[in-house]
Each structure stands twice: as structure tokens, then as C-alpha cells.
N, C-alpha and C. Protein backbone atom coordinates (compact mmCIF):
# COMPACT_ATOMS: atom_id res chain seq x y z
N MET A 1 -12.89 -43.68 -23.42
CA MET A 1 -13.49 -44.01 -22.18
C MET A 1 -15.25 -43.69 -22.42
N LEU A 2 -16.06 -44.60 -22.15
CA LEU A 2 -17.42 -44.38 -22.20
C LEU A 2 -18.01 -43.89 -21.00
N THR A 3 -18.95 -43.03 -20.93
CA THR A 3 -19.59 -42.61 -19.77
C THR A 3 -21.11 -42.64 -20.03
N LYS A 4 -21.90 -42.92 -18.89
CA LYS A 4 -23.26 -42.98 -19.16
C LYS A 4 -23.93 -41.55 -18.72
N ALA A 5 -24.73 -41.06 -19.67
CA ALA A 5 -25.54 -39.82 -19.29
C ALA A 5 -26.28 -39.99 -18.18
N GLU A 6 -26.20 -38.85 -17.27
CA GLU A 6 -27.25 -39.03 -16.05
C GLU A 6 -28.66 -38.46 -16.52
N SER A 7 -29.67 -39.16 -16.07
CA SER A 7 -31.02 -38.66 -16.28
C SER A 7 -31.35 -37.48 -15.35
N LYS A 8 -31.91 -36.44 -15.92
CA LYS A 8 -32.36 -35.19 -15.14
C LYS A 8 -33.82 -35.28 -14.75
N PRO A 9 -34.08 -34.97 -13.51
CA PRO A 9 -35.42 -35.01 -13.22
C PRO A 9 -36.33 -34.23 -14.11
N TYR A 10 -37.53 -34.54 -14.30
CA TYR A 10 -38.53 -33.83 -15.24
C TYR A 10 -39.56 -33.13 -14.52
N PRO A 11 -39.98 -31.98 -15.00
CA PRO A 11 -39.11 -30.97 -15.67
C PRO A 11 -38.34 -30.21 -14.60
N ALA A 12 -37.23 -29.75 -14.87
CA ALA A 12 -36.45 -29.07 -13.85
C ALA A 12 -36.98 -27.71 -13.43
N SER A 13 -37.89 -27.22 -14.16
CA SER A 13 -38.51 -25.79 -13.83
C SER A 13 -39.55 -25.92 -12.87
N GLU A 14 -40.18 -26.99 -12.57
CA GLU A 14 -41.26 -27.19 -11.67
C GLU A 14 -40.80 -28.05 -10.45
N GLU A 15 -41.27 -27.57 -9.25
CA GLU A 15 -40.96 -28.14 -7.97
C GLU A 15 -41.98 -29.29 -7.74
N ILE A 16 -41.52 -30.30 -7.13
CA ILE A 16 -42.26 -31.40 -6.63
C ILE A 16 -43.26 -30.99 -5.57
N SER A 17 -44.65 -31.11 -5.64
CA SER A 17 -45.51 -30.71 -4.67
C SER A 17 -45.92 -31.85 -3.72
N ALA A 18 -45.76 -33.03 -4.17
CA ALA A 18 -46.09 -34.23 -3.28
C ALA A 18 -45.15 -35.32 -3.57
N PHE A 19 -44.95 -36.18 -2.45
CA PHE A 19 -43.91 -37.26 -2.60
C PHE A 19 -44.38 -38.43 -1.89
N LEU A 20 -44.42 -39.69 -2.51
CA LEU A 20 -44.71 -40.98 -1.81
C LEU A 20 -43.42 -41.64 -1.87
N GLY A 21 -42.69 -42.02 -0.65
CA GLY A 21 -41.59 -42.67 -0.46
C GLY A 21 -41.66 -44.19 -0.82
N LYS A 22 -40.41 -44.85 -0.96
CA LYS A 22 -40.36 -46.25 -1.57
C LYS A 22 -40.88 -47.23 -0.46
N GLU A 23 -41.01 -46.85 0.79
CA GLU A 23 -41.51 -47.84 1.86
C GLU A 23 -43.08 -47.72 1.95
N THR A 24 -43.59 -46.75 1.15
CA THR A 24 -45.07 -46.53 1.25
C THR A 24 -45.86 -47.31 0.37
N VAL A 25 -47.10 -47.87 0.90
CA VAL A 25 -47.97 -48.53 -0.03
C VAL A 25 -49.27 -47.77 0.16
N PHE A 26 -50.07 -47.48 -0.95
CA PHE A 26 -51.11 -46.72 -0.86
C PHE A 26 -52.25 -47.31 -1.89
N GLN A 27 -53.48 -47.42 -1.40
CA GLN A 27 -54.55 -47.94 -2.17
C GLN A 27 -55.68 -47.05 -2.20
N GLY A 28 -56.34 -46.71 -3.32
CA GLY A 28 -57.46 -45.84 -3.25
C GLY A 28 -57.51 -44.82 -4.48
N LYS A 29 -58.11 -43.72 -4.29
CA LYS A 29 -58.15 -42.69 -5.32
C LYS A 29 -57.41 -41.47 -4.92
N MET A 30 -56.84 -40.91 -5.87
CA MET A 30 -55.97 -39.70 -5.50
C MET A 30 -56.09 -38.68 -6.77
N THR A 31 -56.05 -37.31 -6.29
CA THR A 31 -56.01 -36.27 -7.18
C THR A 31 -54.91 -35.28 -6.62
N PHE A 32 -54.23 -34.71 -7.54
CA PHE A 32 -53.24 -33.76 -7.09
C PHE A 32 -53.06 -32.65 -8.11
N GLN A 33 -52.45 -31.55 -7.71
CA GLN A 33 -52.05 -30.43 -8.52
C GLN A 33 -50.60 -30.44 -8.65
N GLY A 34 -50.01 -29.87 -9.65
CA GLY A 34 -48.46 -29.77 -9.73
C GLY A 34 -47.91 -31.03 -10.14
N MET A 35 -46.73 -31.21 -9.35
CA MET A 35 -45.93 -32.41 -9.72
C MET A 35 -45.90 -33.31 -8.60
N PHE A 36 -46.09 -34.70 -8.80
CA PHE A 36 -46.07 -35.68 -7.75
C PHE A 36 -45.20 -36.90 -8.18
N ARG A 37 -44.12 -37.04 -7.33
CA ARG A 37 -43.23 -38.09 -7.46
C ARG A 37 -43.49 -39.11 -6.49
N MET A 38 -43.52 -40.48 -7.14
CA MET A 38 -43.85 -41.61 -6.38
C MET A 38 -42.77 -42.62 -6.50
N GLU A 39 -42.22 -43.14 -5.32
CA GLU A 39 -41.14 -44.13 -5.19
C GLU A 39 -41.81 -45.43 -4.64
N GLY A 40 -42.98 -45.39 -4.02
CA GLY A 40 -43.52 -46.53 -3.42
C GLY A 40 -44.57 -47.30 -4.35
N LYS A 41 -45.47 -47.99 -3.73
CA LYS A 41 -46.38 -48.79 -4.37
C LYS A 41 -47.83 -48.14 -4.31
N PHE A 42 -48.49 -48.07 -5.48
CA PHE A 42 -49.89 -47.48 -5.49
C PHE A 42 -50.79 -48.37 -6.25
N GLU A 43 -51.97 -48.62 -5.77
CA GLU A 43 -53.08 -49.31 -6.47
C GLU A 43 -54.28 -48.50 -6.32
N GLY A 44 -54.91 -48.14 -7.63
CA GLY A 44 -56.04 -47.50 -7.56
C GLY A 44 -56.30 -46.56 -8.75
N GLU A 45 -56.72 -45.38 -8.43
CA GLU A 45 -56.94 -44.41 -9.44
C GLU A 45 -56.45 -42.96 -9.29
N PHE A 46 -55.83 -42.31 -10.30
CA PHE A 46 -55.51 -40.96 -10.29
C PHE A 46 -56.41 -40.23 -11.21
N PHE A 47 -57.18 -39.13 -10.67
CA PHE A 47 -58.00 -38.32 -11.42
C PHE A 47 -57.46 -36.96 -11.87
N GLU A 48 -57.71 -36.54 -13.05
CA GLU A 48 -57.48 -35.18 -13.55
C GLU A 48 -56.37 -34.52 -12.76
N SER A 49 -55.15 -35.05 -12.81
CA SER A 49 -54.06 -34.58 -12.07
C SER A 49 -52.91 -33.97 -12.89
N GLY A 50 -51.99 -33.47 -12.33
CA GLY A 50 -50.92 -32.74 -13.06
C GLY A 50 -49.81 -33.71 -13.56
N THR A 51 -48.57 -33.58 -13.16
CA THR A 51 -47.49 -34.42 -13.68
C THR A 51 -47.17 -35.54 -12.59
N LEU A 52 -47.19 -36.76 -13.04
CA LEU A 52 -46.90 -37.90 -12.12
C LEU A 52 -45.63 -38.49 -12.65
N ILE A 53 -44.60 -38.49 -11.73
CA ILE A 53 -43.43 -39.13 -12.02
C ILE A 53 -43.29 -40.48 -11.23
N VAL A 54 -43.23 -41.57 -11.99
CA VAL A 54 -43.10 -42.84 -11.31
C VAL A 54 -41.55 -43.28 -11.34
N GLY A 55 -41.16 -43.13 -10.03
CA GLY A 55 -39.59 -43.40 -9.79
C GLY A 55 -39.22 -44.89 -10.02
N GLU A 56 -37.93 -45.18 -10.00
CA GLU A 56 -37.45 -46.40 -10.35
C GLU A 56 -37.83 -47.52 -9.41
N THR A 57 -38.04 -47.25 -8.21
CA THR A 57 -38.69 -48.21 -7.29
C THR A 57 -40.21 -48.46 -7.15
N ALA A 58 -40.77 -47.52 -7.92
CA ALA A 58 -42.32 -47.39 -7.86
C ALA A 58 -43.04 -48.45 -8.72
N VAL A 59 -44.15 -48.96 -8.19
CA VAL A 59 -45.15 -49.94 -8.86
C VAL A 59 -46.51 -49.25 -8.79
N VAL A 60 -47.00 -48.92 -10.00
CA VAL A 60 -48.28 -48.34 -9.91
C VAL A 60 -49.22 -49.17 -10.78
N LYS A 61 -50.44 -49.52 -10.22
CA LYS A 61 -51.50 -50.40 -10.85
C LYS A 61 -52.76 -49.65 -10.84
N GLY A 62 -53.41 -49.54 -11.93
CA GLY A 62 -54.78 -49.08 -11.91
C GLY A 62 -55.02 -48.20 -13.04
N LYS A 63 -55.95 -47.20 -12.83
CA LYS A 63 -56.39 -46.19 -13.92
C LYS A 63 -55.83 -44.89 -13.51
N ILE A 64 -55.22 -44.26 -14.54
CA ILE A 64 -54.46 -42.96 -14.38
C ILE A 64 -54.89 -42.11 -15.46
N GLY A 65 -55.25 -40.80 -14.87
CA GLY A 65 -55.67 -39.66 -15.68
C GLY A 65 -54.82 -38.48 -15.28
N VAL A 66 -53.84 -38.07 -16.06
CA VAL A 66 -52.87 -37.03 -15.71
C VAL A 66 -52.69 -36.32 -16.93
N ASN A 67 -51.92 -35.08 -16.69
CA ASN A 67 -51.47 -34.33 -17.87
C ASN A 67 -50.13 -34.92 -18.50
N ILE A 68 -49.29 -35.08 -17.56
CA ILE A 68 -47.90 -35.59 -18.00
C ILE A 68 -47.69 -36.78 -17.00
N LEU A 69 -47.18 -38.02 -17.60
CA LEU A 69 -46.78 -39.16 -17.04
C LEU A 69 -45.27 -39.44 -17.41
N VAL A 70 -44.37 -39.63 -16.39
CA VAL A 70 -43.00 -39.81 -16.65
C VAL A 70 -42.70 -41.18 -15.84
N ILE A 71 -42.29 -42.23 -16.71
CA ILE A 71 -42.17 -43.49 -16.11
C ILE A 71 -40.60 -43.83 -15.97
N TYR A 72 -40.08 -44.10 -14.75
CA TYR A 72 -38.76 -44.78 -14.54
C TYR A 72 -39.00 -46.10 -13.98
N GLY A 73 -40.13 -46.30 -13.41
CA GLY A 73 -40.54 -47.74 -12.71
C GLY A 73 -41.42 -48.57 -13.51
N LEU A 74 -42.41 -49.11 -12.80
CA LEU A 74 -43.31 -49.96 -13.49
C LEU A 74 -44.86 -49.46 -13.37
N VAL A 75 -45.59 -49.36 -14.51
CA VAL A 75 -46.94 -48.91 -14.55
C VAL A 75 -47.63 -49.94 -15.19
N GLU A 76 -48.84 -50.38 -14.44
CA GLU A 76 -49.73 -51.42 -15.21
C GLU A 76 -51.25 -50.85 -15.09
N GLY A 77 -51.80 -50.85 -16.22
CA GLY A 77 -53.30 -50.44 -16.16
C GLY A 77 -53.67 -49.54 -17.43
N ASP A 78 -54.58 -48.75 -17.17
CA ASP A 78 -55.08 -47.83 -18.19
C ASP A 78 -54.61 -46.45 -18.05
N VAL A 79 -54.07 -45.71 -19.05
CA VAL A 79 -53.65 -44.39 -18.94
C VAL A 79 -54.14 -43.60 -19.92
N ILE A 80 -54.59 -42.27 -19.56
CA ILE A 80 -54.97 -41.25 -20.36
C ILE A 80 -54.11 -39.99 -19.98
N ALA A 81 -53.28 -39.61 -20.66
CA ALA A 81 -52.34 -38.50 -20.51
C ALA A 81 -52.64 -37.43 -21.48
N LYS A 82 -53.18 -36.11 -21.07
CA LYS A 82 -53.56 -35.23 -22.01
C LYS A 82 -52.37 -34.50 -22.69
N GLY A 83 -51.26 -34.49 -22.06
CA GLY A 83 -49.99 -33.84 -22.54
C GLY A 83 -48.99 -34.68 -23.24
N ARG A 84 -48.46 -35.67 -22.41
CA ARG A 84 -47.39 -36.56 -22.90
C ARG A 84 -47.20 -37.78 -22.01
N VAL A 85 -46.47 -38.89 -22.45
CA VAL A 85 -45.94 -39.93 -21.70
C VAL A 85 -44.53 -40.09 -22.03
N GLU A 86 -43.63 -40.28 -21.08
CA GLU A 86 -42.25 -40.58 -21.20
C GLU A 86 -42.00 -41.87 -20.59
N ILE A 87 -41.26 -42.75 -21.32
CA ILE A 87 -40.96 -44.08 -20.74
C ILE A 87 -39.36 -43.98 -20.85
N HIS A 88 -38.66 -43.99 -19.74
CA HIS A 88 -37.21 -43.86 -19.67
C HIS A 88 -36.62 -45.26 -19.66
N PRO A 89 -35.29 -45.34 -19.77
CA PRO A 89 -34.60 -46.61 -20.05
C PRO A 89 -34.97 -47.71 -19.08
N LEU A 90 -35.23 -47.51 -17.73
CA LEU A 90 -35.70 -48.58 -16.80
C LEU A 90 -37.16 -48.73 -16.70
N GLY A 91 -37.89 -47.81 -17.33
CA GLY A 91 -39.40 -47.73 -17.34
C GLY A 91 -40.06 -48.82 -17.88
N LYS A 92 -41.08 -49.32 -17.41
CA LYS A 92 -41.98 -50.41 -18.00
C LYS A 92 -43.54 -49.97 -17.95
N PHE A 93 -44.18 -50.10 -19.04
CA PHE A 93 -45.57 -49.80 -19.02
C PHE A 93 -46.32 -51.05 -19.58
N HIS A 94 -47.25 -51.56 -18.92
CA HIS A 94 -48.16 -52.66 -19.45
C HIS A 94 -49.62 -52.28 -19.43
N GLY A 95 -50.29 -52.24 -20.52
CA GLY A 95 -51.71 -51.79 -20.48
C GLY A 95 -52.17 -51.04 -21.63
N ASN A 96 -53.09 -50.21 -21.41
CA ASN A 96 -53.68 -49.28 -22.50
C ASN A 96 -53.32 -47.88 -22.25
N LEU A 97 -52.86 -47.23 -23.40
CA LEU A 97 -52.37 -45.84 -23.33
C LEU A 97 -53.03 -44.95 -24.27
N ILE A 98 -53.39 -43.80 -23.87
CA ILE A 98 -54.00 -42.89 -24.76
C ILE A 98 -53.23 -41.48 -24.60
N THR A 99 -52.47 -40.99 -25.38
CA THR A 99 -51.76 -39.72 -25.22
C THR A 99 -51.40 -39.08 -26.66
N PRO A 100 -51.34 -37.72 -26.67
CA PRO A 100 -50.99 -37.15 -27.93
C PRO A 100 -49.48 -37.26 -28.33
N ILE A 101 -48.65 -37.32 -27.27
CA ILE A 101 -47.19 -37.41 -27.42
C ILE A 101 -46.71 -38.49 -26.55
N LEU A 102 -45.88 -39.45 -27.23
CA LEU A 102 -45.23 -40.50 -26.65
C LEU A 102 -43.74 -40.65 -26.92
N VAL A 103 -42.95 -40.75 -25.83
CA VAL A 103 -41.59 -40.87 -25.99
C VAL A 103 -41.08 -42.12 -25.21
N VAL A 104 -40.44 -43.06 -25.94
CA VAL A 104 -39.94 -44.12 -25.33
C VAL A 104 -38.44 -44.24 -25.54
N GLU A 105 -37.64 -44.10 -24.53
CA GLU A 105 -36.19 -44.11 -24.69
C GLU A 105 -35.77 -45.42 -24.90
N GLU A 106 -34.51 -45.72 -25.34
CA GLU A 106 -33.96 -46.97 -25.59
C GLU A 106 -33.90 -47.71 -24.26
N GLY A 107 -34.36 -48.88 -24.16
CA GLY A 107 -34.41 -49.72 -22.98
C GLY A 107 -35.74 -49.70 -22.29
N GLY A 108 -36.55 -48.64 -22.54
CA GLY A 108 -37.94 -48.54 -21.97
C GLY A 108 -38.85 -49.50 -22.59
N ILE A 109 -39.80 -49.97 -21.90
CA ILE A 109 -40.66 -51.18 -22.44
C ILE A 109 -42.12 -50.60 -22.41
N LEU A 110 -42.89 -50.94 -23.59
CA LEU A 110 -44.19 -50.55 -23.77
C LEU A 110 -44.88 -51.75 -24.28
N GLU A 111 -45.70 -52.44 -23.49
CA GLU A 111 -46.45 -53.60 -23.87
C GLU A 111 -47.90 -53.30 -23.69
N GLY A 112 -48.60 -53.46 -24.89
CA GLY A 112 -50.07 -53.18 -24.72
C GLY A 112 -50.60 -52.45 -25.88
N ASN A 113 -51.59 -51.65 -25.74
CA ASN A 113 -52.08 -50.97 -26.73
C ASN A 113 -51.87 -49.39 -26.65
N CYS A 114 -51.54 -48.68 -27.62
CA CYS A 114 -51.33 -47.30 -27.67
C CYS A 114 -52.03 -46.53 -28.76
N LYS A 115 -52.90 -45.56 -28.26
CA LYS A 115 -53.60 -44.72 -29.20
C LYS A 115 -53.13 -43.26 -29.01
N MET A 116 -52.53 -42.71 -29.96
CA MET A 116 -52.08 -41.29 -29.96
C MET A 116 -53.07 -40.29 -30.52
N GLU A 117 -53.84 -39.74 -29.62
CA GLU A 117 -54.96 -38.77 -29.94
C GLU A 117 -54.86 -37.61 -29.13
N GLY A 118 -55.64 -36.60 -29.45
CA GLY A 118 -55.67 -35.42 -28.72
C GLY A 118 -54.85 -34.26 -29.43
N LYS A 119 -55.04 -33.14 -28.95
CA LYS A 119 -54.42 -32.09 -29.67
C LYS A 119 -53.06 -31.89 -29.17
N THR A 120 -52.14 -31.52 -30.10
CA THR A 120 -50.78 -31.13 -29.75
C THR A 120 -50.56 -29.67 -30.24
N GLU A 121 -49.39 -29.13 -29.88
CA GLU A 121 -49.22 -27.76 -30.31
C GLU A 121 -49.08 -27.63 -31.79
N LYS A 122 -48.41 -28.45 -32.47
CA LYS A 122 -48.20 -28.58 -33.86
C LYS A 122 -48.56 -29.89 -34.34
N GLU A 123 -49.89 -30.14 -34.60
CA GLU A 123 -50.34 -31.48 -35.10
C GLU A 123 -49.65 -31.86 -36.41
N ASP A 124 -49.21 -30.91 -37.30
CA ASP A 124 -48.76 -31.38 -38.44
C ASP A 124 -47.21 -31.60 -38.48
N ALA A 125 -46.57 -31.31 -37.33
CA ALA A 125 -45.20 -31.55 -37.12
C ALA A 125 -44.76 -32.80 -36.71
N LEU A 126 -43.69 -33.40 -37.37
CA LEU A 126 -43.22 -34.80 -37.04
C LEU A 126 -41.95 -34.54 -36.23
N HIS A 127 -41.96 -35.04 -35.00
CA HIS A 127 -40.81 -34.90 -34.22
C HIS A 127 -40.02 -36.31 -34.13
N VAL A 128 -38.88 -36.30 -34.55
CA VAL A 128 -38.10 -37.59 -34.51
C VAL A 128 -36.88 -37.35 -33.58
N ILE A 129 -36.67 -38.19 -32.61
CA ILE A 129 -35.59 -38.11 -31.71
C ILE A 129 -34.42 -39.13 -32.21
N PRO A 130 -33.22 -38.63 -32.54
CA PRO A 130 -32.19 -39.48 -33.11
C PRO A 130 -31.77 -40.40 -32.04
N SER A 131 -31.40 -41.68 -32.57
CA SER A 131 -30.98 -42.70 -31.70
C SER A 131 -29.43 -42.45 -31.27
N LYS A 132 -29.20 -42.94 -30.08
CA LYS A 132 -27.79 -42.76 -29.55
C LYS A 132 -27.00 -44.07 -29.92
N GLU A 133 -26.44 -43.98 -31.12
CA GLU A 133 -25.72 -45.28 -31.61
C GLU A 133 -24.26 -45.11 -31.25
N ASP A 134 -23.68 -46.13 -30.79
CA ASP A 134 -22.16 -46.17 -30.54
C ASP A 134 -21.37 -46.43 -31.89
N PRO A 135 -20.64 -45.39 -32.39
CA PRO A 135 -19.99 -45.58 -33.74
C PRO A 135 -18.96 -46.79 -33.77
N SER A 136 -18.51 -47.39 -32.59
CA SER A 136 -17.56 -48.37 -32.67
C SER A 136 -17.99 -49.80 -32.83
């Protein structure tokens, strides 16, 4: 019997400090501290912010400057992430991306340009995530 692994919210140790629900539409400029989870639609700019989680129902268009970006939904635009970017199986990114660490899970989509720059904890270390292959 095959079972699908459940995704855990990222990161479990930090609480969400702000939330934008799936029926919400926001246009403009936003800055936040901590973790912000978005399920609605956003068009505009995020400045020097913490962790942005783009939920499965979310659509984000614009310029994004965050520490960590976690994508379960759709992101279109220019992104600079100082820490890392994660694109999960249903996540889609279209645009220009600059980040020192990029994780794209199987099923995730990255279309556009990606430049991996910036300092990481161990710049000389190569981190490889093994693929989840079905042996049958």
C-alpha cells in the first residue's frame, strides 16, 4: 500500500505572526517581521521581511525581498531571498530569483532565471537531497 507523505508547515519552531486569508486581495507595499502566511492574492512589493509562506491557494505578483520564501502556491516576479527559497510539489515560480539556497521538490516548477549568490553557512559544502524513487 502506498501512502503520500504529508507536508509539514515551515518551520515548525516559529509561530505565524501574520496571515492573509484566501478570500483576501491586497495591493501595495508590505513589510513584516517573523513569519507571514498568505493564502489570498497579493500584488505589489515585500521589503526586507522575515519568512513568507505562499499557501496553495495564494497568488503573489511583484517584487519580493525576504529572508526565507516557501512556495506552495504561485509566485510571479522578482525575488531576492537572503536565506533560502523552497518550492514545494504544488508550488510554481515564474520570474527572476536570487538566493544562496534553492530547494525544488519533485513536482515544483521554476521557470525563469535563477542566480544563487550570497553567503551560506558552509559555502564549500554541497548539499544533495536524494530523490524519492518508487522501486517498483
